[in-house]
Amino acid sequence: MVTLSICVGSSCHLKGSPEVIERCREEIRKRHWEEKVELKAAFCLSCCSHDGVAVRIGEEIVPGIRPENVGQLFDDKVAPLL
């Protein structure tokens, strides 16, 4: 099981974390990974100076996530872990 923790702290919330969460849900459903990928909320991942939302995948923190690049995040970072 791969866990994605999406920052919902105030900075990331303002940068679009609700939309990123929804896109992640859609991506998980589209790929039929409901049993393989878990979504969680996280408070500040200390990437506030970056554009976009911070996402932790395992121990790696990936800053700069926006709704339009969630698919690429899944291709590049999540798929190799499954």
PDB file of N, CA and C in Angstrom:
ATOM      1  N   MET A   1       0.855  -1.182   0.000  1.00  0.00           N
ATOM      2  CA  MET A   1       0.000   0.000   0.000  1.00  0.00           C
ATOM      3  C   MET A   1       0.894   1.235   0.000  1.00  0.00           C
ATOM      4  N   VAL A   2       0.623   2.137  -0.920  1.00  0.00           N
ATOM      5  CA  VAL A   2       1.331   3.414  -0.993  1.00  0.00           C
ATOM      6  C   VAL A   2       0.444   4.475  -0.341  1.00  0.00           C
ATOM      7  N   THR A   3       1.029   5.261   0.549  1.00  0.00           N
ATOM      8  CA  THR A   3       0.286   6.319   1.221  1.00  0.00           C
ATOM      9  C   THR A   3       0.702   7.673   0.683  1.00  0.00           C
ATOM     10  N   LEU A   4      -0.277   8.445   0.245  1.00  0.00           N
ATOM     11  CA  LEU A   4      -0.067   9.834  -0.161  1.00  0.00           C
ATOM     12  C   LEU A   4      -0.647  10.711   0.921  1.00  0.00           C
ATOM     13  N   SER A   5       0.193  11.547   1.515  1.00  0.00           N
ATOM     14  CA  SER A   5      -0.254  12.501   2.516  1.00  0.00           C
ATOM     15  C   SER A   5      -0.218  13.883   1.896  1.00  0.00           C
ATOM     16  N   ILE A   6      -1.373  14.488   1.755  1.00  0.00           N
ATOM     17  CA  ILE A   6      -1.493  15.775   1.084  1.00  0.00           C
ATOM     18  C   ILE A   6      -1.613  16.864   2.140  1.00  0.00           C
ATOM     19  N   CYS A   7      -0.746  17.870   2.021  1.00  0.00           N
ATOM     20  CA  CYS A   7      -0.751  18.956   2.987  1.00  0.00           C
ATOM     21  C   CYS A   7      -2.065  19.737   2.900  1.00  0.00           C
ATOM     22  N   VAL A   8      -2.674  19.936   4.047  1.00  0.00           N
ATOM     23  CA  VAL A   8      -3.898  20.742   4.127  1.00  0.00           C
ATOM     24  C   VAL A   8      -3.694  21.916   5.081  1.00  0.00           C
ATOM     25  N   GLY A   9      -2.426  22.240   5.327  1.00  0.00           N
ATOM     26  CA  GLY A   9      -2.116  23.418   6.135  1.00  0.00           C
ATOM     27  C   GLY A   9      -2.601  24.669   5.430  1.00  0.00           C
ATOM     28  N   SER A  10      -2.588  25.783   6.130  1.00  0.00           N
ATOM     29  CA  SER A  10      -3.189  27.001   5.581  1.00  0.00           C
ATOM     30  C   SER A  10      -2.571  27.430   4.258  1.00  0.00           C
ATOM     31  N   SER A  11      -1.260  27.354   4.117  1.00  0.00           N
ATOM     32  CA  SER A  11      -0.607  27.772   2.867  1.00  0.00           C
ATOM     33  C   SER A  11      -1.018  26.867   1.708  1.00  0.00           C
ATOM     34  N   CYS A  12      -0.935  25.564   1.909  1.00  0.00           N
ATOM     35  CA  CYS A  12      -1.311  24.632   0.836  1.00  0.00           C
ATOM     36  C   CYS A  12      -2.809  24.674   0.552  1.00  0.00           C
ATOM     37  N   HIS A  13      -3.600  24.893   1.592  1.00  0.00           N
ATOM     38  CA  HIS A  13      -5.043  25.017   1.372  1.00  0.00           C
ATOM     39  C   HIS A  13      -5.329  26.171   0.398  1.00  0.00           C
ATOM     40  N   LEU A  14      -4.658  27.289   0.628  1.00  0.00           N
ATOM     41  CA  LEU A  14      -4.846  28.445  -0.248  1.00  0.00           C
ATOM     42  C   LEU A  14      -4.298  28.194  -1.654  1.00  0.00           C
ATOM     43  N   LYS A  15      -3.339  27.289  -1.772  1.00  0.00           N
ATOM     44  CA  LYS A  15      -2.741  26.967  -3.068  1.00  0.00           C
ATOM     45  C   LYS A  15      -3.490  25.851  -3.797  1.00  0.00           C
ATOM     46  N   GLY A  16      -4.572  25.330  -3.191  1.00  0.00           N
ATOM     47  CA  GLY A  16      -5.411  24.376  -3.909  1.00  0.00           C
ATOM     48  C   GLY A  16      -5.424  22.952  -3.420  1.00  0.00           C
ATOM     49  N   SER A  17      -5.088  22.705  -2.161  1.00  0.00           N
ATOM     50  CA  SER A  17      -5.090  21.316  -1.705  1.00  0.00           C
ATOM     51  C   SER A  17      -6.450  20.615  -1.833  1.00  0.00           C
ATOM     52  N   PRO A  18      -7.605  21.289  -1.638  1.00  0.00           N
ATOM     53  CA  PRO A  18      -8.872  20.565  -1.852  1.00  0.00           C
ATOM     54  C   PRO A  18      -9.013  20.040  -3.281  1.00  0.00           C
ATOM     55  N   GLU A  19      -8.590  20.814  -4.258  1.00  0.00           N
ATOM     56  CA  GLU A  19      -8.665  20.386  -5.655  1.00  0.00           C
ATOM     57  C   GLU A  19      -7.664  19.264  -5.934  1.00  0.00           C
ATOM     58  N   VAL A  20      -6.480  19.346  -5.340  1.00  0.00           N
ATOM     59  CA  VAL A  20      -5.478  18.288  -5.517  1.00  0.00           C
ATOM     60  C   VAL A  20      -5.988  16.981  -4.915  1.00  0.00           C
ATOM     61  N   ILE A  21      -6.624  17.051  -3.762  1.00  0.00           N
ATOM     62  CA  ILE A  21      -7.187  15.852  -3.140  1.00  0.00           C
ATOM     63  C   ILE A  21      -8.239  15.228  -4.054  1.00  0.00           C
ATOM     64  N   GLU A  22      -9.111  16.039  -4.606  1.00  0.00           N
ATOM     65  CA  GLU A  22     -10.150  15.515  -5.494  1.00  0.00           C
ATOM     66  C   GLU A  22      -9.545  14.879  -6.741  1.00  0.00           C
ATOM     67  N   ARG A  23      -8.533  15.510  -7.325  1.00  0.00           N
ATOM     68  CA  ARG A  23      -7.870  14.942  -8.506  1.00  0.00           C
ATOM     69  C   ARG A  23      -7.182  13.632  -8.159  1.00  0.00           C
ATOM     70  N   CYS A  24      -6.598  13.529  -6.966  1.00  0.00           N
ATOM     71  CA  CYS A  24      -5.977  12.277  -6.539  1.00  0.00           C
ATOM     72  C   CYS A  24      -7.032  11.182  -6.418  1.00  0.00           C
ATOM     73  N   ARG A  25      -8.165  11.513  -5.843  1.00  0.00           N
ATOM     74  CA  ARG A  25      -9.261  10.529  -5.750  1.00  0.00           C
ATOM     75  C   ARG A  25      -9.679  10.052  -7.134  1.00  0.00           C
ATOM     76  N   GLU A  26      -9.822  10.988  -8.060  1.00  0.00           N
ATOM     77  CA  GLU A  26     -10.201  10.632  -9.429  1.00  0.00           C
ATOM     78  C   GLU A  26      -9.145   9.743 -10.078  1.00  0.00           C
ATOM     79  N   GLU A  27      -7.890  10.065  -9.866  1.00  0.00           N
ATOM     80  CA  GLU A  27      -6.791   9.298 -10.464  1.00  0.00           C
ATOM     81  C   GLU A  27      -6.760   7.881  -9.896  1.00  0.00           C
ATOM     82  N   ILE A  28      -6.974   7.741  -8.608  1.00  0.00           N
ATOM     83  CA  ILE A  28      -7.008   6.416  -7.972  1.00  0.00           C
ATOM     84  C   ILE A  28      -8.150   5.589  -8.546  1.00  0.00           C
ATOM     85  N   ARG A  29      -9.338   6.202  -8.681  1.00  0.00           N
ATOM     86  CA  ARG A  29     -10.492   5.478  -9.253  1.00  0.00           C
ATOM     87  C   ARG A  29     -10.235   5.096 -10.703  1.00  0.00           C
ATOM     88  N   LYS A  30      -9.705   6.032 -11.476  1.00  0.00           N
ATOM     89  CA  LYS A  30      -9.454   5.792 -12.901  1.00  0.00           C
ATOM     90  C   LYS A  30      -8.482   4.628 -13.109  1.00  0.00           C
ATOM     91  N   ARG A  31      -7.492   4.528 -12.247  1.00  0.00           N
ATOM     92  CA  ARG A  31      -6.470   3.480 -12.375  1.00  0.00           C
ATOM     93  C   ARG A  31      -6.844   2.195 -11.624  1.00  0.00           C
ATOM     94  N   HIS A  32      -7.976   2.200 -10.938  1.00  0.00           N
ATOM     95  CA  HIS A  32      -8.444   1.051 -10.154  1.00  0.00           C
ATOM     96  C   HIS A  32      -7.427   0.671  -9.074  1.00  0.00           C
ATOM     97  N   TRP A  33      -6.905   1.682  -8.393  1.00  0.00           N
ATOM     98  CA  TRP A  33      -5.898   1.480  -7.357  1.00  0.00           C
ATOM     99  C   TRP A  33      -6.471   1.693  -5.961  1.00  0.00           C
ATOM    100  N   GLU A  34      -7.766   1.541  -5.796  1.00  0.00           N
ATOM    101  CA  GLU A  34      -8.393   1.777  -4.494  1.00  0.00           C
ATOM    102  C   GLU A  34      -7.786   0.913  -3.385  1.00  0.00           C
ATOM    103  N   GLU A  35      -7.345  -0.283  -3.717  1.00  0.00           N
ATOM    104  CA  GLU A  35      -6.754  -1.191  -2.728  1.00  0.00           C
ATOM    105  C   GLU A  35      -5.238  -1.024  -2.616  1.00  0.00           C
ATOM    106  N   LYS A  36      -4.672  -0.144  -3.441  1.00  0.00           N
ATOM    107  CA  LYS A  36      -3.213  -0.003  -3.482  1.00  0.00           C
ATOM    108  C   LYS A  36      -2.708   1.354  -3.002  1.00  0.00           C
ATOM    109  N   VAL A  37      -3.570   2.375  -3.055  1.00  0.00           N
ATOM    110  CA  VAL A  37      -3.149   3.732  -2.708  1.00  0.00           C
ATOM    111  C   VAL A  37      -4.097   4.290  -1.657  1.00  0.00           C
ATOM    112  N   GLU A  38      -3.516   4.835  -0.605  1.00  0.00           N
ATOM    113  CA  GLU A  38      -4.275   5.427   0.489  1.00  0.00           C
ATOM    114  C   GLU A  38      -4.010   6.930   0.517  1.00  0.00           C
ATOM    115  N   LEU A  39      -5.070   7.712   0.635  1.00  0.00           N
ATOM    116  CA  LEU A  39      -4.933   9.165   0.761  1.00  0.00           C
ATOM    117  C   LEU A  39      -5.110   9.561   2.213  1.00  0.00           C
ATOM    118  N   LYS A  40      -4.243  10.464   2.645  1.00  0.00           N
ATOM    119  CA  LYS A  40      -4.348  11.018   3.994  1.00  0.00           C
ATOM    120  C   LYS A  40      -4.101  12.519   3.915  1.00  0.00           C
ATOM    121  N   ALA A  41      -4.573  13.211   4.910  1.00  0.00           N
ATOM    122  CA  ALA A  41      -4.272  14.639   5.052  1.00  0.00           C
ATOM    123  C   ALA A  41      -3.069  14.778   5.971  1.00  0.00           C
ATOM    124  N   ALA A  42      -2.286  15.810   5.722  1.00  0.00           N
ATOM    125  CA  ALA A  42      -1.130  16.108   6.573  1.00  0.00           C
ATOM    126  C   ALA A  42      -1.101  17.601   6.827  1.00  0.00           C
ATOM    127  N   PHE A  43      -0.642  17.971   8.000  1.00  0.00           N
ATOM    128  CA  PHE A  43      -0.436  19.387   8.256  1.00  0.00           C
ATOM    129  C   PHE A  43       0.991  19.724   7.890  1.00  0.00           C
ATOM    130  N   CYS A  44       1.291  20.923   7.793  1.00  0.00           N
ATOM    131  CA  CYS A  44       2.509  21.498   7.226  1.00  0.00           C
ATOM    132  C   CYS A  44       3.649  20.508   6.981  1.00  0.00           C
ATOM    133  N   LEU A  45       4.039  20.404   5.717  1.00  0.00           N
ATOM    134  CA  LEU A  45       5.168  19.573   5.321  1.00  0.00           C
ATOM    135  C   LEU A  45       6.418  20.421   5.076  1.00  0.00           C
ATOM    136  N   SER A  46       6.362  21.674   5.536  1.00  0.00           N
ATOM    137  CA  SER A  46       7.500  22.603   5.488  1.00  0.00           C
ATOM    138  C   SER A  46       7.963  22.930   4.067  1.00  0.00           C
ATOM    139  N   CYS A  47       7.024  23.059   3.161  1.00  0.00           N
ATOM    140  CA  CYS A  47       7.334  23.449   1.779  1.00  0.00           C
ATOM    141  C   CYS A  47       6.557  24.699   1.395  1.00  0.00           C
ATOM    142  N   CYS A  48       6.262  25.529   2.362  1.00  0.00           N
ATOM    143  CA  CYS A  48       5.391  26.684   2.153  1.00  0.00           C
ATOM    144  C   CYS A  48       5.929  27.676   1.126  1.00  0.00           C
ATOM    145  N   SER A  49       7.232  27.717   0.938  1.00  0.00           N
ATOM    146  CA  SER A  49       7.806  28.686  -0.006  1.00  0.00           C
ATOM    147  C   SER A  49       7.679  28.234  -1.459  1.00  0.00           C
ATOM    148  N   HIS A  50       7.305  26.991  -1.686  1.00  0.00           N
ATOM    149  CA  HIS A  50       7.144  26.472  -3.049  1.00  0.00           C
ATOM    150  C   HIS A  50       5.769  26.817  -3.602  1.00  0.00           C
ATOM    151  N   ASP A  51       5.682  26.894  -4.909  1.00  0.00           N
ATOM    152  CA  ASP A  51       4.375  27.020  -5.545  1.00  0.00           C
ATOM    153  C   ASP A  51       3.676  25.669  -5.449  1.00  0.00           C
ATOM    154  N   GLY A  52       2.366  25.685  -5.415  1.00  0.00           N
ATOM    155  CA  GLY A  52       1.600  24.445  -5.391  1.00  0.00           C
ATOM    156  C   GLY A  52       1.553  23.808  -4.014  1.00  0.00           C
ATOM    157  N   VAL A  53       1.021  22.600  -3.996  1.00  0.00           N
ATOM    158  CA  VAL A  53       0.744  21.848  -2.771  1.00  0.00           C
ATOM    159  C   VAL A  53       1.840  20.812  -2.553  1.00  0.00           C
ATOM    160  N   ALA A  54       2.175  20.559  -1.295  1.00  0.00           N
ATOM    161  CA  ALA A  54       3.158  19.533  -0.957  1.00  0.00           C
ATOM    162  C   ALA A  54       2.457  18.204  -0.710  1.00  0.00           C
ATOM    163  N   VAL A  55       3.058  17.127  -1.241  1.00  0.00           N
ATOM    164  CA  VAL A  55       2.532  15.779  -1.071  1.00  0.00           C
ATOM    165  C   VAL A  55       3.672  14.890  -0.592  1.00  0.00           C
ATOM    166  N   ARG A  56       3.417  14.119   0.458  1.00  0.00           N
ATOM    167  CA  ARG A  56       4.405  13.140   0.927  1.00  0.00           C
ATOM    168  C   ARG A  56       3.983  11.773   0.421  1.00  0.00           C
ATOM    169  N   ILE A  57       4.922  11.100  -0.235  1.00  0.00           N
ATOM    170  CA  ILE A  57       4.704   9.738  -0.720  1.00  0.00           C
ATOM    171  C   ILE A  57       5.737   8.877  -0.012  1.00  0.00           C
ATOM    172  N   GLY A  58       5.286   8.081   0.930  1.00  0.00           N
ATOM    173  CA  GLY A  58       6.232   7.370   1.777  1.00  0.00           C
ATOM    174  C   GLY A  58       6.997   8.399   2.599  1.00  0.00           C
ATOM    175  N   GLU A  59       8.300   8.453   2.415  1.00  0.00           N
ATOM    176  CA  GLU A  59       9.124   9.438   3.124  1.00  0.00           C
ATOM    177  C   GLU A  59       9.537  10.608   2.236  1.00  0.00           C
ATOM    178  N   GLU A  60       9.214  10.550   0.946  1.00  0.00           N
ATOM    179  CA  GLU A  60       9.588  11.620   0.017  1.00  0.00           C
ATOM    180  C   GLU A  60       8.526  12.713  -0.010  1.00  0.00           C
ATOM    181  N   ILE A  61       8.961  13.957   0.084  1.00  0.00           N
ATOM    182  CA  ILE A  61       8.047  15.084  -0.027  1.00  0.00           C
ATOM    183  C   ILE A  61       8.207  15.695  -1.413  1.00  0.00           C
ATOM    184  N   VAL A  62       7.088  15.817  -2.111  1.00  0.00           N
ATOM    185  CA  VAL A  62       7.079  16.367  -3.464  1.00  0.00           C
ATOM    186  C   VAL A  62       6.298  17.678  -3.427  1.00  0.00           C
ATOM    187  N   PRO A  63       6.991  18.808  -3.567  1.00  0.00           N
ATOM    188  CA  PRO A  63       6.291  20.101  -3.576  1.00  0.00           C
ATOM    189  C   PRO A  63       5.809  20.447  -4.981  1.00  0.00           C
ATOM    190  N   GLY A  64       4.987  21.482  -5.072  1.00  0.00           N
ATOM    191  CA  GLY A  64       4.598  22.021  -6.377  1.00  0.00           C
ATOM    192  C   GLY A  64       3.502  21.266  -7.098  1.00  0.00           C
ATOM    193  N   ILE A  65       2.690  20.519  -6.378  1.00  0.00           N
ATOM    194  CA  ILE A  65       1.620  19.757  -7.026  1.00  0.00           C
ATOM    195  C   ILE A  65       0.391  20.645  -7.195  1.00  0.00           C
ATOM    196  N   ARG A  66      -0.151  20.598  -8.404  1.00  0.00           N
ATOM    197  CA  ARG A  66      -1.372  21.322  -8.760  1.00  0.00           C
ATOM    198  C   ARG A  66      -2.344  20.315  -9.370  1.00  0.00           C
ATOM    199  N   PRO A  67      -3.626  20.651  -9.440  1.00  0.00           N
ATOM    200  CA  PRO A  67      -4.580  19.695 -10.028  1.00  0.00           C
ATOM    201  C   PRO A  67      -4.149  19.210 -11.412  1.00  0.00           C
ATOM    202  N   GLU A  68      -3.575  20.087 -12.204  1.00  0.00           N
ATOM    203  CA  GLU A  68      -3.212  19.702 -13.574  1.00  0.00           C
ATOM    204  C   GLU A  68      -1.989  18.794 -13.669  1.00  0.00           C
ATOM    205  N   ASN A  69      -1.196  18.645 -12.594  1.00  0.00           N
ATOM    206  CA  ASN A  69      -0.057  17.738 -12.695  1.00  0.00           C
ATOM    207  C   ASN A  69      -0.168  16.517 -11.773  1.00  0.00           C
ATOM    208  N   VAL A  70      -1.355  16.263 -11.254  1.00  0.00           N
ATOM    209  CA  VAL A  70      -1.563  15.086 -10.406  1.00  0.00           C
ATOM    210  C   VAL A  70      -1.339  13.796 -11.204  1.00  0.00           C
ATOM    211  N   GLY A  71      -1.814  13.728 -12.436  1.00  0.00           N
ATOM    212  CA  GLY A  71      -1.603  12.536 -13.263  1.00  0.00           C
ATOM    213  C   GLY A  71      -0.127  12.229 -13.438  1.00  0.00           C
ATOM    214  N   GLN A  72       0.672  13.257 -13.659  1.00  0.00           N
ATOM    215  CA  GLN A  72       2.118  13.092 -13.802  1.00  0.00           C
ATOM    216  C   GLN A  72       2.742  12.612 -12.493  1.00  0.00           C
ATOM    217  N   LEU A  73       2.244  13.122 -11.364  1.00  0.00           N
ATOM    218  CA  LEU A  73       2.709  12.659 -10.063  1.00  0.00           C
ATOM    219  C   LEU A  73       2.472  11.156  -9.922  1.00  0.00           C
ATOM    220  N   PHE A  74       1.299  10.696 -10.315  1.00  0.00           N
ATOM    221  CA  PHE A  74       0.982   9.273 -10.235  1.00  0.00           C
ATOM    222  C   PHE A  74       1.863   8.453 -11.169  1.00  0.00           C
ATOM    223  N   ASP A  75       2.094   8.961 -12.379  1.00  0.00           N
ATOM    224  CA  ASP A  75       2.959   8.258 -13.330  1.00  0.00           C
ATOM    225  C   ASP A  75       4.397   8.161 -12.826  1.00  0.00           C
ATOM    226  N   ASP A  76       4.921   9.285 -12.350  1.00  0.00           N
ATOM    227  CA  ASP A  76       6.343   9.367 -11.994  1.00  0.00           C
ATOM    228  C   ASP A  76       6.677   8.835 -10.609  1.00  0.00           C
ATOM    229  N   LYS A  77       5.809   9.044  -9.645  1.00  0.00           N
ATOM    230  CA  LYS A  77       6.156   8.735  -8.246  1.00  0.00           C
ATOM    231  C   LYS A  77       5.371   7.591  -7.632  1.00  0.00           C
ATOM    232  N   VAL A  78       4.094   7.437  -8.001  1.00  0.00           N
ATOM    233  CA  VAL A  78       3.268   6.414  -7.361  1.00  0.00           C
ATOM    234  C   VAL A  78       3.391   5.074  -8.098  1.00  0.00           C
ATOM    235  N   ALA A  79       3.228   5.079  -9.413  1.00  0.00           N
ATOM    236  CA  ALA A  79       3.253   3.833 -10.185  1.00  0.00           C
ATOM    237  C   ALA A  79       4.507   3.000  -9.930  1.00  0.00           C
ATOM    238  N   PRO A  80       5.702   3.606  -9.884  1.00  0.00           N
ATOM    239  CA  PRO A  80       6.889   2.773  -9.636  1.00  0.00           C
ATOM    240  C   PRO A  80       6.905   2.064  -8.284  1.00  0.00           C
ATOM    241  N   LEU A  81       6.110   2.554  -7.344  1.00  0.00           N
ATOM    242  CA  LEU A  81       6.071   1.947  -6.012  1.00  0.00           C
ATOM    243  C   LEU A  81       5.073   0.780  -5.903  1.00  0.00           C
ATOM    244  N   LEU A  82       4.272   0.595  -6.937  1.00  0.00           N
ATOM    245  CA  LEU A  82       3.223  -0.440  -6.865  1.00  0.00           C
ATOM    246  C   LEU A  82       3.664  -1.760  -7.454  1.00  0.00           C
TER     247      LEU A  82
END
